[in-house]
């Protein structure tokens, strides 16, 4: 008897046994790869599962935030440049 594989969305927690229109993201410290759903990518040890584009985008944004630190200086607190004469 074949077992049924369940996948859970990393952002919203939706569970599916048939995640046809889902996305898989594999990432590390310096690389992030997005796949349209395929079982091989989904079952890789570093795979993350997302039920739609919006949730995948949330994860990608969080990944960028985590590697883009320290943050750039706030230009709103810097003096305004003077116009050349």
N, C-alpha and C. Protein backbone atom coordinates (compact mmCIF):
# COMPACT_ATOMS: atom_id res chain seq x y z
N UNK A 1 0.83 -1.17 0.00
CA UNK A 1 0.00 0.00 0.00
C UNK A 1 0.88 1.24 0.00
N UNK A 2 0.59 2.19 -0.89
CA UNK A 2 1.36 3.42 -1.00
C UNK A 2 0.96 4.40 0.09
N UNK A 3 1.95 5.07 0.64
CA UNK A 3 1.64 6.08 1.66
C UNK A 3 1.34 7.42 0.98
N UNK A 4 0.53 8.23 1.62
CA UNK A 4 0.18 9.53 1.09
C UNK A 4 1.10 10.56 1.73
N UNK A 5 1.74 11.37 0.89
CA UNK A 5 2.64 12.42 1.36
C UNK A 5 1.86 13.71 1.52
N UNK A 6 1.97 14.33 2.68
CA UNK A 6 1.35 15.63 2.93
C UNK A 6 2.42 16.71 2.94
N UNK A 7 2.06 17.87 2.41
CA UNK A 7 2.95 19.02 2.41
C UNK A 7 2.24 20.18 3.09
N UNK A 8 2.99 20.95 3.87
CA UNK A 8 2.42 22.08 4.60
C UNK A 8 3.08 23.37 4.11
N UNK A 9 2.26 24.38 3.81
CA UNK A 9 2.76 25.68 3.41
C UNK A 9 3.52 26.30 4.58
N UNK A 10 4.71 26.78 4.30
CA UNK A 10 5.58 27.35 5.34
C UNK A 10 5.06 28.67 5.91
N UNK A 11 4.18 29.34 5.18
CA UNK A 11 3.69 30.65 5.61
C UNK A 11 2.33 30.55 6.30
N UNK A 12 1.34 29.94 5.62
CA UNK A 12 -0.03 29.96 6.15
C UNK A 12 -0.45 28.65 6.81
N UNK A 13 0.33 27.58 6.63
CA UNK A 13 0.02 26.31 7.28
C UNK A 13 -0.95 25.41 6.54
N UNK A 14 -1.41 25.81 5.35
CA UNK A 14 -2.30 24.96 4.57
C UNK A 14 -1.62 23.62 4.29
N UNK A 15 -2.38 22.54 4.40
CA UNK A 15 -1.85 21.19 4.16
C UNK A 15 -2.53 20.62 2.92
N UNK A 16 -1.73 19.93 2.08
CA UNK A 16 -2.27 19.31 0.87
C UNK A 16 -1.55 18.01 0.56
N UNK A 17 -2.30 17.06 0.03
CA UNK A 17 -1.71 15.82 -0.48
C UNK A 17 -1.56 15.90 -1.99
N UNK A 18 -2.08 16.96 -2.59
CA UNK A 18 -1.99 17.16 -4.04
C UNK A 18 -1.64 18.61 -4.35
N UNK A 19 -0.42 19.03 -4.05
CA UNK A 19 -0.03 20.43 -4.18
C UNK A 19 0.39 20.83 -5.60
N UNK A 20 -0.48 20.61 -6.56
CA UNK A 20 -0.16 20.79 -7.98
C UNK A 20 0.29 22.21 -8.32
N UNK A 21 -0.36 23.22 -7.80
CA UNK A 21 -0.04 24.61 -8.16
C UNK A 21 0.82 25.30 -7.09
N UNK A 22 1.52 24.53 -6.33
CA UNK A 22 2.37 25.06 -5.26
C UNK A 22 3.76 25.38 -5.81
N UNK A 23 4.58 25.99 -4.95
CA UNK A 23 5.97 26.30 -5.28
C UNK A 23 6.89 25.66 -4.24
N UNK A 24 8.09 25.36 -4.68
CA UNK A 24 9.13 24.83 -3.80
C UNK A 24 10.29 25.82 -3.83
N UNK A 25 10.81 26.14 -2.66
CA UNK A 25 11.99 26.99 -2.59
C UNK A 25 13.06 26.22 -1.84
N UNK A 26 14.23 26.19 -2.45
CA UNK A 26 15.40 25.61 -1.80
C UNK A 26 16.37 26.76 -1.59
N UNK A 27 16.87 26.88 -0.36
CA UNK A 27 17.76 28.00 -0.11
C UNK A 27 18.81 27.67 0.92
N UNK A 28 19.84 28.47 0.86
CA UNK A 28 20.92 28.41 1.82
C UNK A 28 21.29 29.83 2.19
N UNK A 29 22.48 30.03 2.68
CA UNK A 29 22.91 31.36 3.12
C UNK A 29 23.08 32.32 1.95
N UNK A 30 23.52 31.83 0.79
CA UNK A 30 23.83 32.75 -0.31
C UNK A 30 23.07 32.45 -1.60
N UNK A 31 22.16 31.49 -1.58
CA UNK A 31 21.44 31.14 -2.81
C UNK A 31 20.02 30.73 -2.48
N UNK A 32 19.10 31.17 -3.34
CA UNK A 32 17.70 30.80 -3.22
C UNK A 32 17.20 30.41 -4.61
N UNK A 33 16.54 29.25 -4.72
CA UNK A 33 16.04 28.77 -6.00
C UNK A 33 14.56 28.46 -5.86
N UNK A 34 13.76 28.97 -6.81
CA UNK A 34 12.31 28.74 -6.80
C UNK A 34 11.97 27.75 -7.91
N UNK A 35 11.16 26.75 -7.57
CA UNK A 35 10.71 25.75 -8.53
C UNK A 35 9.19 25.74 -8.59
N UNK A 36 8.64 25.54 -9.77
CA UNK A 36 7.24 25.15 -9.83
C UNK A 36 7.20 23.76 -9.21
N UNK A 37 6.05 23.38 -8.70
CA UNK A 37 5.98 22.14 -7.94
C UNK A 37 6.51 20.95 -8.71
N UNK A 38 7.42 20.22 -8.10
CA UNK A 38 7.80 18.89 -8.56
C UNK A 38 8.25 18.11 -7.33
N UNK A 39 7.94 16.85 -7.32
CA UNK A 39 8.15 16.01 -6.15
C UNK A 39 9.62 15.88 -5.78
N UNK A 40 10.48 15.81 -6.78
CA UNK A 40 11.91 15.68 -6.50
C UNK A 40 12.41 16.89 -5.72
N UNK A 41 12.09 18.09 -6.18
CA UNK A 41 12.51 19.31 -5.48
C UNK A 41 11.84 19.39 -4.11
N UNK A 42 10.57 19.01 -4.04
CA UNK A 42 9.80 19.11 -2.79
C UNK A 42 10.34 18.19 -1.70
N UNK A 43 10.94 17.07 -2.08
CA UNK A 43 11.42 16.11 -1.10
C UNK A 43 12.89 16.28 -0.74
N UNK A 44 13.54 17.30 -1.31
CA UNK A 44 14.94 17.58 -0.96
C UNK A 44 15.00 18.07 0.49
N UNK A 45 16.07 17.76 1.20
CA UNK A 45 16.15 18.12 2.62
C UNK A 45 16.01 19.62 2.89
N UNK A 46 16.48 20.47 1.98
CA UNK A 46 16.42 21.91 2.20
C UNK A 46 15.17 22.57 1.61
N UNK A 47 14.22 21.77 1.15
CA UNK A 47 13.02 22.30 0.48
C UNK A 47 12.05 22.94 1.45
N UNK A 48 11.47 24.04 0.98
CA UNK A 48 10.38 24.72 1.68
C UNK A 48 9.19 24.72 0.73
N UNK A 49 7.98 24.61 1.26
CA UNK A 49 6.78 24.44 0.44
C UNK A 49 5.83 25.62 0.62
N UNK A 50 5.24 26.09 -0.51
CA UNK A 50 4.37 27.27 -0.48
C UNK A 50 3.15 27.03 -1.36
N UNK A 51 1.97 27.34 -0.80
CA UNK A 51 0.72 27.03 -1.49
C UNK A 51 0.37 28.00 -2.61
N UNK A 52 1.12 29.05 -2.76
CA UNK A 52 0.85 30.00 -3.84
C UNK A 52 1.95 31.03 -3.96
N UNK A 53 1.81 31.84 -5.00
CA UNK A 53 2.82 32.85 -5.29
C UNK A 53 2.96 33.86 -4.15
N UNK A 54 1.85 34.29 -3.58
CA UNK A 54 1.89 35.29 -2.51
C UNK A 54 2.69 34.79 -1.31
N UNK A 55 2.46 33.56 -0.90
CA UNK A 55 3.20 33.02 0.24
C UNK A 55 4.67 32.80 -0.10
N UNK A 56 4.96 32.40 -1.33
CA UNK A 56 6.36 32.25 -1.75
C UNK A 56 7.06 33.61 -1.72
N UNK A 57 6.36 34.67 -2.14
CA UNK A 57 6.94 36.01 -2.12
C UNK A 57 7.22 36.48 -0.70
N UNK A 58 6.34 36.14 0.22
CA UNK A 58 6.56 36.50 1.63
C UNK A 58 7.86 35.86 2.12
N UNK A 59 8.05 34.58 1.81
CA UNK A 59 9.25 33.90 2.26
C UNK A 59 10.50 34.50 1.61
N UNK A 60 10.42 34.81 0.31
CA UNK A 60 11.57 35.40 -0.39
C UNK A 60 11.93 36.74 0.24
N UNK A 61 10.93 37.56 0.55
CA UNK A 61 11.19 38.85 1.20
C UNK A 61 11.87 38.65 2.55
N UNK A 62 11.40 37.68 3.31
CA UNK A 62 12.02 37.40 4.61
C UNK A 62 13.46 36.93 4.44
N UNK A 63 13.71 36.13 3.41
CA UNK A 63 15.06 35.64 3.14
C UNK A 63 15.98 36.82 2.80
N UNK A 64 15.51 37.73 1.94
CA UNK A 64 16.32 38.91 1.61
C UNK A 64 16.61 39.73 2.87
N UNK A 65 15.62 39.93 3.71
CA UNK A 65 15.81 40.69 4.94
C UNK A 65 16.88 40.05 5.82
N UNK A 66 16.90 38.73 5.86
CA UNK A 66 17.83 38.04 6.75
C UNK A 66 19.27 38.13 6.27
N UNK A 67 19.49 38.30 4.96
CA UNK A 67 20.87 38.38 4.47
C UNK A 67 21.31 39.80 4.21
N UNK A 68 20.41 40.74 4.29
CA UNK A 68 20.75 42.13 4.01
C UNK A 68 20.93 42.91 5.31
N UNK A 69 21.73 42.38 6.21
CA UNK A 69 22.00 43.13 7.42
C UNK A 69 23.51 43.24 7.59
N UNK A 70 24.01 44.25 8.18
CA UNK A 70 23.22 45.32 8.76
C UNK A 70 22.54 46.15 7.69
N UNK A 71 21.47 46.81 8.08
CA UNK A 71 20.71 47.57 7.10
C UNK A 71 21.48 48.82 6.66
N UNK A 72 21.10 49.33 5.50
CA UNK A 72 21.71 50.55 4.99
C UNK A 72 21.32 51.72 5.89
N UNK A 73 22.11 52.76 5.87
CA UNK A 73 21.76 53.92 6.68
C UNK A 73 20.48 54.57 6.17
N UNK A 74 19.76 55.20 7.07
CA UNK A 74 18.55 55.91 6.70
C UNK A 74 18.93 57.26 6.13
N UNK A 75 18.58 57.48 4.88
CA UNK A 75 18.93 58.75 4.23
C UNK A 75 18.03 59.88 4.70
N UNK A 76 16.92 59.54 5.37
CA UNK A 76 16.03 60.59 5.87
C UNK A 76 16.63 61.33 7.06
N UNK A 77 17.64 60.75 7.70
CA UNK A 77 18.26 61.41 8.85
C UNK A 77 19.57 62.10 8.46
N UNK A 78 19.96 62.01 7.20
CA UNK A 78 21.20 62.63 6.75
C UNK A 78 20.90 64.06 6.30
N UNK A 79 21.88 64.95 6.37
CA UNK A 79 21.66 66.33 5.93
C UNK A 79 21.30 66.37 4.44
N UNK A 80 20.47 67.34 4.10
CA UNK A 80 20.07 67.52 2.71
C UNK A 80 21.24 68.13 1.94
N UNK A 81 21.56 67.56 0.76
CA UNK A 81 22.67 68.12 -0.02
C UNK A 81 22.32 69.52 -0.51
N UNK A 82 23.32 70.38 -0.59
CA UNK A 82 23.09 71.73 -1.09
C UNK A 82 23.16 71.72 -2.60
N UNK A 83 22.42 72.64 -3.21
CA UNK A 83 22.47 72.78 -4.67
C UNK A 83 23.76 73.48 -5.06
N UNK A 84 24.45 72.98 -6.08
CA UNK A 84 25.69 73.66 -6.51
C UNK A 84 25.35 75.03 -7.09
N UNK A 85 26.22 75.98 -6.88
CA UNK A 85 25.97 77.35 -7.35
C UNK A 85 26.43 77.54 -8.77
